[in-house]
Each structure stands twice: as C-alpha cells, then as structure tokens.
Amino acid sequence: MAADPILMSHQEQVCRAELARLINSMPFAAPAAVTLTMKKRHGARLADDIVASENFRHFRNRLEHSLLGSAAKLHGKHLMMIVVLETSADNRLHYHCIIDRPYHCTLVRFEVVVREEWTKTDFGYRHIDIQDQPDEGWTYYILKQRQKRSLFDSIDWANCQLIAE
C-alpha cells in the first residue's frame, strides 16, 4: 500500500522541525558553518556515500588532532559537530557542517587548519567555505530536502558528534 504523499510530506516536515530543534539546542560555543566539497574520484575509486563517510572520518581525526592535540586520541576529546552530505546538480558530493571551534582557536587559525586537513584527504576538493557563527538559517539550509535522497540518510550520523567531550 502506497503512503499518502500529503501525509509523508507532513511527516517529513515534523522530522525536519525536530532535527532543527535538536541542532539549535546544542550548546555550541563558537560554531562555524563549513562546506566541504569532494573530488568525484581518487585514482580508480569513485566517491559515493560510504567513501564520503570514510573520507570525512579521516578528516575529522586529522582536524581534532590538529586543534586538540594529543588529548583527541589519549583522552577521547572531540569537537562537537553536525555533518550532512548532499549531492550537487553536477553529481559532486559535498558536506554541510556545523563544527564547534575550540575556545583557544581563532577563526583565522580554524580556517587554515580546516583547509589544510581537508585537502590532505584523498577526496578533499579545493572548494571550501567557512562562515563564523551561523544562525538558525544555516540549520534549516543544511536540512533542506533539495539535493538529498532522504533527510535521515543524508545526515552522516557516524561522523556527527553531539556531545563535546
């Protein structure tokens, strides 16, 4: 039996609103809106959702080590972040994120480190955008339906860090 499209639309709206409420209630101290674009391929490997998640995990580990030092590995320190994967009109994968910048890190240093660490990954592409202190509009933008197959599937839950440790 097919689901009623009007009901599905309402359910999606409710889910999107609940996700936005969750994200907007997170205690980010110095959030940055970050867009990271991926290469379509690296050698013989094509970028897909699984490759993207693996590549982002590598980036996240490098970023946390660069910004948090050995505490990232030795003491399990993490940066709080929300990570959403989308596909552009030209089929290029890209991430929209909210990443909490450590209190001791200036925005300029954060931008430099993000760019360095992203481009050191296999699929890190040069198109990167970083904005300081995004408002709730950024949350609604990253949760938009356009450029996503499914809202829940587009959130890279494996790489989201909902609690700063």
N, C-alpha and C. Protein backbone atom coordinates (compact mmCIF):
# COMPACT_ATOMS: atom_id res chain seq x y z
N MET A 1 0.84 -1.17 0.00
CA MET A 1 0.00 0.00 0.00
C MET A 1 0.89 1.25 0.00
N ALA A 2 0.68 2.14 -0.91
CA ALA A 2 1.48 3.35 -1.03
C ALA A 2 1.09 4.35 0.05
N ALA A 3 2.09 5.04 0.55
CA ALA A 3 1.83 6.06 1.57
C ALA A 3 1.23 7.30 0.92
N ASP A 4 0.38 7.96 1.65
CA ASP A 4 -0.23 9.19 1.19
C ASP A 4 0.84 10.28 1.08
N PRO A 5 1.05 10.88 -0.13
CA PRO A 5 2.11 11.88 -0.28
C PRO A 5 1.92 13.11 0.61
N ILE A 6 0.70 13.48 0.87
CA ILE A 6 0.46 14.63 1.74
C ILE A 6 0.87 14.29 3.17
N LEU A 7 0.53 13.09 3.63
CA LEU A 7 0.91 12.64 4.96
C LEU A 7 2.42 12.53 5.07
N MET A 8 3.09 11.96 4.05
CA MET A 8 4.55 11.84 4.07
C MET A 8 5.18 13.22 4.14
N SER A 9 4.63 14.14 3.40
CA SER A 9 5.17 15.49 3.42
C SER A 9 5.05 16.08 4.83
N HIS A 10 3.93 15.86 5.47
CA HIS A 10 3.73 16.36 6.83
C HIS A 10 4.71 15.67 7.78
N GLN A 11 4.87 14.35 7.64
CA GLN A 11 5.80 13.62 8.49
C GLN A 11 7.23 14.13 8.28
N GLU A 12 7.61 14.37 7.05
CA GLU A 12 8.94 14.90 6.77
C GLU A 12 9.11 16.28 7.40
N GLN A 13 8.10 17.10 7.32
CA GLN A 13 8.17 18.43 7.93
C GLN A 13 8.34 18.34 9.44
N VAL A 14 7.63 17.42 10.06
CA VAL A 14 7.73 17.23 11.50
C VAL A 14 9.14 16.75 11.86
N CYS A 15 9.66 15.78 11.11
CA CYS A 15 11.02 15.28 11.36
C CYS A 15 12.05 16.38 11.18
N ARG A 16 11.91 17.14 10.12
CA ARG A 16 12.85 18.24 9.85
C ARG A 16 12.81 19.26 10.99
N ALA A 17 11.61 19.58 11.46
CA ALA A 17 11.46 20.54 12.56
C ALA A 17 12.09 20.00 13.84
N GLU A 18 11.92 18.71 14.11
CA GLU A 18 12.50 18.11 15.32
C GLU A 18 14.03 18.08 15.22
N LEU A 19 14.55 17.76 14.05
CA LEU A 19 16.01 17.78 13.86
C LEU A 19 16.56 19.19 14.03
N ALA A 20 15.86 20.17 13.48
CA ALA A 20 16.29 21.57 13.63
C ALA A 20 16.27 21.97 15.10
N ARG A 21 15.24 21.55 15.82
CA ARG A 21 15.15 21.85 17.26
C ARG A 21 16.33 21.23 18.00
N LEU A 22 16.66 19.98 17.68
CA LEU A 22 17.80 19.30 18.30
C LEU A 22 19.10 20.06 18.02
N ILE A 23 19.34 20.39 16.77
CA ILE A 23 20.58 21.07 16.38
C ILE A 23 20.66 22.45 17.04
N ASN A 24 19.56 23.19 16.99
CA ASN A 24 19.57 24.54 17.55
C ASN A 24 19.68 24.55 19.08
N SER A 25 19.39 23.42 19.72
CA SER A 25 19.50 23.35 21.18
C SER A 25 20.89 22.89 21.63
N MET A 26 21.73 22.49 20.68
CA MET A 26 23.07 22.03 21.05
C MET A 26 23.90 23.19 21.57
N PRO A 27 24.69 22.95 22.61
CA PRO A 27 25.45 24.03 23.25
C PRO A 27 26.76 24.38 22.53
N PHE A 28 26.65 24.77 21.27
CA PHE A 28 27.84 25.21 20.53
C PHE A 28 28.37 26.49 21.17
N ALA A 29 29.67 26.54 21.42
CA ALA A 29 30.28 27.75 21.99
C ALA A 29 30.69 28.72 20.90
N ALA A 30 31.34 28.20 19.85
CA ALA A 30 31.82 29.04 18.75
C ALA A 30 31.63 28.28 17.44
N PRO A 31 30.38 28.11 17.02
CA PRO A 31 30.12 27.30 15.83
C PRO A 31 30.60 27.96 14.54
N ALA A 32 31.00 27.11 13.61
CA ALA A 32 31.36 27.56 12.27
C ALA A 32 30.53 26.76 11.27
N ALA A 33 30.01 27.45 10.27
CA ALA A 33 29.31 26.79 9.17
C ALA A 33 30.37 26.43 8.14
N VAL A 34 30.49 25.15 7.84
CA VAL A 34 31.57 24.67 6.97
C VAL A 34 30.97 23.87 5.82
N THR A 35 31.37 24.21 4.59
CA THR A 35 31.01 23.41 3.42
C THR A 35 32.29 22.86 2.84
N LEU A 36 32.33 21.54 2.68
CA LEU A 36 33.49 20.83 2.16
C LEU A 36 33.08 20.05 0.92
N THR A 37 33.71 20.32 -0.19
CA THR A 37 33.38 19.67 -1.46
C THR A 37 34.34 18.53 -1.72
N MET A 38 33.83 17.46 -2.32
CA MET A 38 34.63 16.27 -2.57
C MET A 38 35.01 16.13 -4.04
N LYS A 39 36.17 15.53 -4.26
CA LYS A 39 36.54 15.13 -5.61
C LYS A 39 35.59 14.01 -6.03
N LYS A 40 35.32 13.92 -7.32
CA LYS A 40 34.43 12.86 -7.80
C LYS A 40 35.11 11.50 -7.80
N ARG A 41 36.43 11.53 -7.91
CA ARG A 41 37.18 10.27 -7.89
C ARG A 41 38.58 10.53 -7.38
N HIS A 42 39.18 9.47 -6.88
CA HIS A 42 40.59 9.50 -6.48
C HIS A 42 41.18 8.21 -7.02
N GLY A 43 42.04 8.33 -8.01
CA GLY A 43 42.55 7.13 -8.68
C GLY A 43 41.39 6.39 -9.32
N ALA A 44 41.27 5.11 -9.00
CA ALA A 44 40.20 4.29 -9.56
C ALA A 44 38.93 4.31 -8.70
N ARG A 45 38.99 4.91 -7.53
CA ARG A 45 37.85 4.92 -6.62
C ARG A 45 36.93 6.10 -6.91
N LEU A 46 35.64 5.81 -7.06
CA LEU A 46 34.63 6.84 -7.23
C LEU A 46 34.06 7.21 -5.87
N ALA A 47 33.73 8.47 -5.72
CA ALA A 47 33.13 8.93 -4.47
C ALA A 47 31.67 8.47 -4.40
N ASP A 48 31.30 7.87 -3.29
CA ASP A 48 29.91 7.53 -3.01
C ASP A 48 29.68 7.82 -1.52
N ASP A 49 28.51 7.50 -1.01
CA ASP A 49 28.18 7.84 0.37
C ASP A 49 29.13 7.17 1.38
N ILE A 50 29.49 5.92 1.12
CA ILE A 50 30.37 5.19 2.03
C ILE A 50 31.78 5.77 2.00
N VAL A 51 32.29 6.00 0.80
CA VAL A 51 33.62 6.61 0.64
C VAL A 51 33.63 7.99 1.28
N ALA A 52 32.55 8.74 1.09
CA ALA A 52 32.45 10.09 1.66
C ALA A 52 32.55 10.03 3.18
N SER A 53 31.83 9.12 3.81
CA SER A 53 31.84 9.00 5.26
C SER A 53 33.23 8.60 5.76
N GLU A 54 33.87 7.66 5.08
CA GLU A 54 35.23 7.26 5.45
C GLU A 54 36.19 8.44 5.31
N ASN A 55 36.06 9.17 4.22
CA ASN A 55 36.93 10.32 3.98
C ASN A 55 36.71 11.40 5.04
N PHE A 56 35.44 11.63 5.40
CA PHE A 56 35.15 12.64 6.43
C PHE A 56 35.69 12.19 7.78
N ARG A 57 35.59 10.91 8.11
CA ARG A 57 36.13 10.41 9.38
C ARG A 57 37.64 10.67 9.44
N HIS A 58 38.33 10.43 8.34
CA HIS A 58 39.77 10.70 8.27
C HIS A 58 40.03 12.20 8.51
N PHE A 59 39.24 13.05 7.85
CA PHE A 59 39.36 14.50 8.04
C PHE A 59 39.10 14.89 9.49
N ARG A 60 38.02 14.34 10.07
CA ARG A 60 37.66 14.66 11.45
C ARG A 60 38.79 14.29 12.42
N ASN A 61 39.38 13.11 12.22
CA ASN A 61 40.50 12.69 13.07
C ASN A 61 41.69 13.64 12.93
N ARG A 62 42.00 14.02 11.71
CA ARG A 62 43.12 14.94 11.47
C ARG A 62 42.82 16.32 12.08
N LEU A 63 41.59 16.80 11.89
CA LEU A 63 41.19 18.10 12.41
C LEU A 63 41.27 18.12 13.94
N GLU A 64 40.72 17.09 14.57
CA GLU A 64 40.74 17.04 16.03
C GLU A 64 42.16 16.93 16.56
N HIS A 65 43.01 16.18 15.90
CA HIS A 65 44.40 16.09 16.33
C HIS A 65 45.09 17.45 16.19
N SER A 66 44.83 18.15 15.08
CA SER A 66 45.47 19.45 14.86
C SER A 66 44.99 20.50 15.85
N LEU A 67 43.70 20.47 16.19
CA LEU A 67 43.15 21.51 17.06
C LEU A 67 43.16 21.17 18.54
N LEU A 68 43.09 19.87 18.85
CA LEU A 68 43.02 19.46 20.25
C LEU A 68 44.29 18.77 20.74
N GLY A 69 45.20 18.50 19.82
CA GLY A 69 46.46 17.87 20.19
C GLY A 69 46.28 16.41 20.58
N SER A 70 47.18 15.92 21.40
CA SER A 70 47.15 14.51 21.78
C SER A 70 45.93 14.16 22.62
N ALA A 71 45.27 15.15 23.21
CA ALA A 71 44.05 14.90 24.01
C ALA A 71 42.97 14.24 23.16
N ALA A 72 42.99 14.50 21.85
CA ALA A 72 41.99 13.90 20.97
C ALA A 72 42.10 12.38 21.00
N LYS A 73 43.31 11.88 20.96
CA LYS A 73 43.49 10.43 20.93
C LYS A 73 43.61 9.84 22.34
N LEU A 74 44.42 10.47 23.19
CA LEU A 74 44.69 9.92 24.51
C LEU A 74 43.49 9.99 25.45
N HIS A 75 42.73 11.08 25.36
CA HIS A 75 41.63 11.29 26.29
C HIS A 75 40.26 11.33 25.63
N GLY A 76 40.19 10.99 24.34
CA GLY A 76 38.91 10.93 23.65
C GLY A 76 38.23 12.27 23.50
N LYS A 77 38.99 13.35 23.41
CA LYS A 77 38.39 14.68 23.22
C LYS A 77 37.89 14.81 21.78
N HIS A 78 36.74 15.44 21.63
CA HIS A 78 36.13 15.61 20.31
C HIS A 78 35.58 17.02 20.15
N LEU A 79 35.48 17.44 18.90
CA LEU A 79 34.79 18.68 18.57
C LEU A 79 33.33 18.35 18.31
N MET A 80 32.43 19.12 18.87
CA MET A 80 31.02 18.90 18.60
C MET A 80 30.75 19.29 17.14
N MET A 81 30.01 18.44 16.42
CA MET A 81 29.73 18.74 15.03
C MET A 81 28.50 18.00 14.52
N ILE A 82 27.84 18.65 13.56
CA ILE A 82 26.73 18.07 12.80
C ILE A 82 27.23 17.99 11.37
N VAL A 83 27.00 16.84 10.72
CA VAL A 83 27.58 16.58 9.40
C VAL A 83 26.49 16.06 8.46
N VAL A 84 26.25 16.80 7.36
CA VAL A 84 25.20 16.44 6.40
C VAL A 84 25.79 16.35 5.00
N LEU A 85 25.53 15.24 4.32
CA LEU A 85 26.05 15.00 2.98
C LEU A 85 24.97 15.29 1.93
N GLU A 86 25.37 16.00 0.87
CA GLU A 86 24.47 16.30 -0.24
C GLU A 86 25.16 16.01 -1.55
N THR A 87 24.36 15.96 -2.61
CA THR A 87 24.88 15.82 -3.97
C THR A 87 24.45 17.04 -4.76
N SER A 88 25.41 17.70 -5.40
CA SER A 88 25.09 18.91 -6.18
C SER A 88 24.48 18.52 -7.52
N ALA A 89 24.03 19.50 -8.28
CA ALA A 89 23.40 19.28 -9.58
C ALA A 89 24.35 18.57 -10.54
N ASP A 90 25.66 18.78 -10.39
CA ASP A 90 26.63 18.11 -11.26
C ASP A 90 27.16 16.81 -10.64
N ASN A 91 26.40 16.25 -9.70
CA ASN A 91 26.71 14.98 -9.04
C ASN A 91 28.00 14.99 -8.23
N ARG A 92 28.35 16.14 -7.68
CA ARG A 92 29.52 16.22 -6.80
C ARG A 92 29.03 16.19 -5.35
N LEU A 93 29.58 15.26 -4.58
CA LEU A 93 29.23 15.18 -3.16
C LEU A 93 29.87 16.34 -2.41
N HIS A 94 29.15 16.84 -1.42
CA HIS A 94 29.70 17.87 -0.56
C HIS A 94 29.04 17.78 0.81
N TYR A 95 29.77 18.24 1.80
CA TYR A 95 29.27 18.24 3.17
C TYR A 95 28.93 19.66 3.60
N HIS A 96 27.83 19.77 4.33
CA HIS A 96 27.49 20.99 5.06
C HIS A 96 27.59 20.60 6.53
N CYS A 97 28.32 21.38 7.29
CA CYS A 97 28.57 21.03 8.69
C CYS A 97 28.42 22.24 9.60
N ILE A 98 28.20 21.92 10.85
CA ILE A 98 28.38 22.88 11.92
C ILE A 98 29.48 22.26 12.79
N ILE A 99 30.59 22.94 12.91
CA ILE A 99 31.71 22.44 13.71
C ILE A 99 32.01 23.47 14.79
N ASP A 100 32.05 23.02 16.03
CA ASP A 100 32.33 23.92 17.13
C ASP A 100 33.84 24.15 17.24
N ARG A 101 34.21 25.38 17.07
CA ARG A 101 35.61 25.78 17.13
C ARG A 101 36.06 25.81 18.59
N PRO A 102 37.23 25.23 18.91
CA PRO A 102 37.71 25.27 20.29
C PRO A 102 37.90 26.72 20.77
N TYR A 103 37.69 26.95 22.06
CA TYR A 103 37.76 28.30 22.62
C TYR A 103 39.11 28.97 22.38
N HIS A 104 40.16 28.18 22.31
CA HIS A 104 41.52 28.73 22.17
C HIS A 104 41.93 28.97 20.72
N CYS A 105 41.05 28.67 19.79
CA CYS A 105 41.39 28.72 18.37
C CYS A 105 40.68 29.90 17.70
N THR A 106 41.46 30.79 17.10
CA THR A 106 40.85 31.91 16.38
C THR A 106 40.18 31.40 15.11
N LEU A 107 39.29 32.20 14.57
CA LEU A 107 38.63 31.82 13.33
C LEU A 107 39.65 31.68 12.20
N VAL A 108 40.62 32.57 12.15
CA VAL A 108 41.63 32.51 11.09
C VAL A 108 42.40 31.19 11.16
N ARG A 109 42.83 30.81 12.36
CA ARG A 109 43.57 29.54 12.51
C ARG A 109 42.66 28.37 12.16
N PHE A 110 41.41 28.41 12.62
CA PHE A 110 40.46 27.35 12.33
C PHE A 110 40.31 27.17 10.81
N GLU A 111 40.14 28.27 10.09
CA GLU A 111 40.00 28.21 8.62
C GLU A 111 41.23 27.57 7.99
N VAL A 112 42.41 27.97 8.42
CA VAL A 112 43.66 27.43 7.87
C VAL A 112 43.74 25.92 8.11
N VAL A 113 43.45 25.51 9.34
CA VAL A 113 43.54 24.09 9.68
C VAL A 113 42.50 23.28 8.92
N VAL A 114 41.27 23.76 8.84
CA VAL A 114 40.23 23.04 8.09
C VAL A 114 40.66 22.85 6.64
N ARG A 115 41.11 23.91 6.01
CA ARG A 115 41.54 23.82 4.60
C ARG A 115 42.71 22.86 4.43
N GLU A 116 43.70 22.95 5.31
CA GLU A 116 44.86 22.06 5.23
C GLU A 116 44.45 20.60 5.38
N GLU A 117 43.68 20.32 6.42
CA GLU A 117 43.35 18.93 6.72
C GLU A 117 42.39 18.33 5.69
N TRP A 118 41.46 19.12 5.18
CA TRP A 118 40.52 18.61 4.18
C TRP A 118 41.26 18.26 2.89
N THR A 119 42.15 19.13 2.45
CA THR A 119 42.86 18.87 1.19
C THR A 119 43.89 17.75 1.33
N LYS A 120 44.22 17.35 2.53
CA LYS A 120 45.13 16.22 2.74
C LYS A 120 44.41 14.88 2.66
N THR A 121 43.08 14.89 2.65
CA THR A 121 42.35 13.64 2.50
C THR A 121 42.30 13.27 1.01
N ASP A 122 42.05 12.00 0.72
CA ASP A 122 42.03 11.53 -0.67
C ASP A 122 40.99 12.26 -1.52
N PHE A 123 39.84 12.54 -0.94
CA PHE A 123 38.74 13.12 -1.72
C PHE A 123 38.49 14.60 -1.43
N GLY A 124 39.35 15.22 -0.65
CA GLY A 124 39.18 16.63 -0.33
C GLY A 124 39.42 17.50 -1.55
N TYR A 125 38.41 18.27 -1.94
CA TYR A 125 38.47 19.14 -3.11
C TYR A 125 38.68 20.57 -2.65
N ARG A 126 39.14 21.42 -3.51
CA ARG A 126 39.57 22.77 -3.13
C ARG A 126 38.42 23.72 -2.79
N HIS A 127 37.20 23.42 -3.17
CA HIS A 127 36.08 24.32 -2.88
C HIS A 127 35.63 24.11 -1.43
N ILE A 128 35.97 25.09 -0.60
CA ILE A 128 35.68 25.05 0.84
C ILE A 128 35.13 26.42 1.23
N ASP A 129 34.09 26.41 2.05
CA ASP A 129 33.55 27.67 2.54
C ASP A 129 33.37 27.56 4.05
N ILE A 130 33.81 28.60 4.76
CA ILE A 130 33.73 28.61 6.22
C ILE A 130 33.17 29.97 6.65
N GLN A 131 32.11 29.92 7.43
CA GLN A 131 31.49 31.14 7.95
C GLN A 131 31.41 31.03 9.47
N ASP A 132 31.68 32.13 10.16
CA ASP A 132 31.65 32.14 11.62
C ASP A 132 30.23 32.38 12.13
N GLN A 133 29.91 31.77 13.25
CA GLN A 133 28.68 32.00 14.00
C GLN A 133 27.41 31.94 13.14
N PRO A 134 27.14 30.79 12.52
CA PRO A 134 25.91 30.71 11.71
C PRO A 134 24.67 30.83 12.60
N ASP A 135 23.60 31.32 11.99
CA ASP A 135 22.35 31.44 12.74
C ASP A 135 21.46 30.23 12.42
N GLU A 136 20.22 30.28 12.88
CA GLU A 136 19.30 29.17 12.66
C GLU A 136 19.02 28.95 11.18
N GLY A 137 19.23 29.97 10.36
CA GLY A 137 19.05 29.82 8.91
C GLY A 137 19.97 28.75 8.33
N TRP A 138 21.17 28.65 8.87
CA TRP A 138 22.11 27.62 8.40
C TRP A 138 21.58 26.23 8.73
N THR A 139 21.00 26.08 9.91
CA THR A 139 20.43 24.79 10.30
C THR A 139 19.35 24.39 9.31
N TYR A 140 18.45 25.31 8.98
CA TYR A 140 17.38 24.99 8.03
C TYR A 140 17.95 24.73 6.63
N TYR A 141 19.01 25.42 6.28
CA TYR A 141 19.64 25.21 4.97
C TYR A 141 20.23 23.80 4.88
N ILE A 142 20.94 23.36 5.92
CA ILE A 142 21.56 22.03 5.83
C ILE A 142 20.52 20.91 5.92
N LEU A 143 19.33 21.23 6.41
CA LEU A 143 18.26 20.23 6.49
C LEU A 143 17.27 20.31 5.33
N LYS A 144 17.57 21.15 4.33
CA LYS A 144 16.65 21.29 3.19
C LYS A 144 16.53 19.95 2.46
N GLN A 145 15.43 19.75 1.78
CA GLN A 145 15.20 18.50 1.06
C GLN A 145 15.95 18.45 -0.26
N ARG A 146 16.10 19.60 -0.90
CA ARG A 146 16.77 19.66 -2.20
C ARG A 146 18.18 19.09 -2.06
N GLN A 147 18.61 18.33 -3.04
CA GLN A 147 19.93 17.71 -3.13
C GLN A 147 20.12 16.56 -2.16
N LYS A 148 19.00 15.99 -1.67
CA LYS A 148 19.08 14.84 -0.78
C LYS A 148 18.09 13.78 -1.26
N ARG A 149 18.51 12.53 -1.15
CA ARG A 149 17.58 11.44 -1.42
C ARG A 149 16.62 11.28 -0.24
N SER A 150 17.18 11.41 0.96
CA SER A 150 16.41 11.26 2.19
C SER A 150 17.08 12.09 3.27
N LEU A 151 16.31 12.79 4.04
CA LEU A 151 16.88 13.63 5.09
C LEU A 151 17.68 12.80 6.08
N PHE A 152 17.12 11.72 6.59
CA PHE A 152 17.82 10.91 7.58
C PHE A 152 19.06 10.24 7.00
N ASP A 153 18.98 9.81 5.76
CA ASP A 153 20.15 9.17 5.13
C ASP A 153 21.24 10.17 4.81
N SER A 154 20.90 11.44 4.69
CA SER A 154 21.91 12.44 4.35
C SER A 154 22.71 12.89 5.56
N ILE A 155 22.19 12.69 6.75
CA ILE A 155 22.95 13.03 7.95
C ILE A 155 23.97 11.92 8.17
N ASP A 156 25.23 12.29 8.22
CA ASP A 156 26.31 11.32 8.41
C ASP A 156 26.44 11.08 9.91
N TRP A 157 25.54 10.24 10.43
CA TRP A 157 25.47 10.00 11.87
C TRP A 157 26.78 9.46 12.42
N ALA A 158 27.52 8.69 11.61
CA ALA A 158 28.80 8.12 12.06
C ALA A 158 29.82 9.21 12.38
N ASN A 159 29.68 10.37 11.75
CA ASN A 159 30.64 11.45 11.95
C ASN A 159 30.10 12.62 12.77
N CYS A 160 28.81 12.58 13.10
CA CYS A 160 28.26 13.63 13.97
C CYS A 160 28.77 13.40 15.38
N GLN A 161 29.07 14.48 16.06
CA GLN A 161 29.49 14.42 17.46
C GLN A 161 28.55 15.36 18.21
N LEU A 162 27.58 14.79 18.90
CA LEU A 162 26.54 15.60 19.52
C LEU A 162 26.92 16.07 20.93
N ILE A 163 28.00 15.54 21.46
CA ILE A 163 28.45 15.93 22.80
C ILE A 163 29.94 16.22 22.72
N ALA A 164 30.35 17.39 23.19
CA ALA A 164 31.77 17.71 23.25
C ALA A 164 32.33 17.01 24.48
N GLU A 165 33.38 16.24 24.26
CA GLU A 165 33.96 15.51 25.38
C GLU A 165 35.33 16.05 25.68
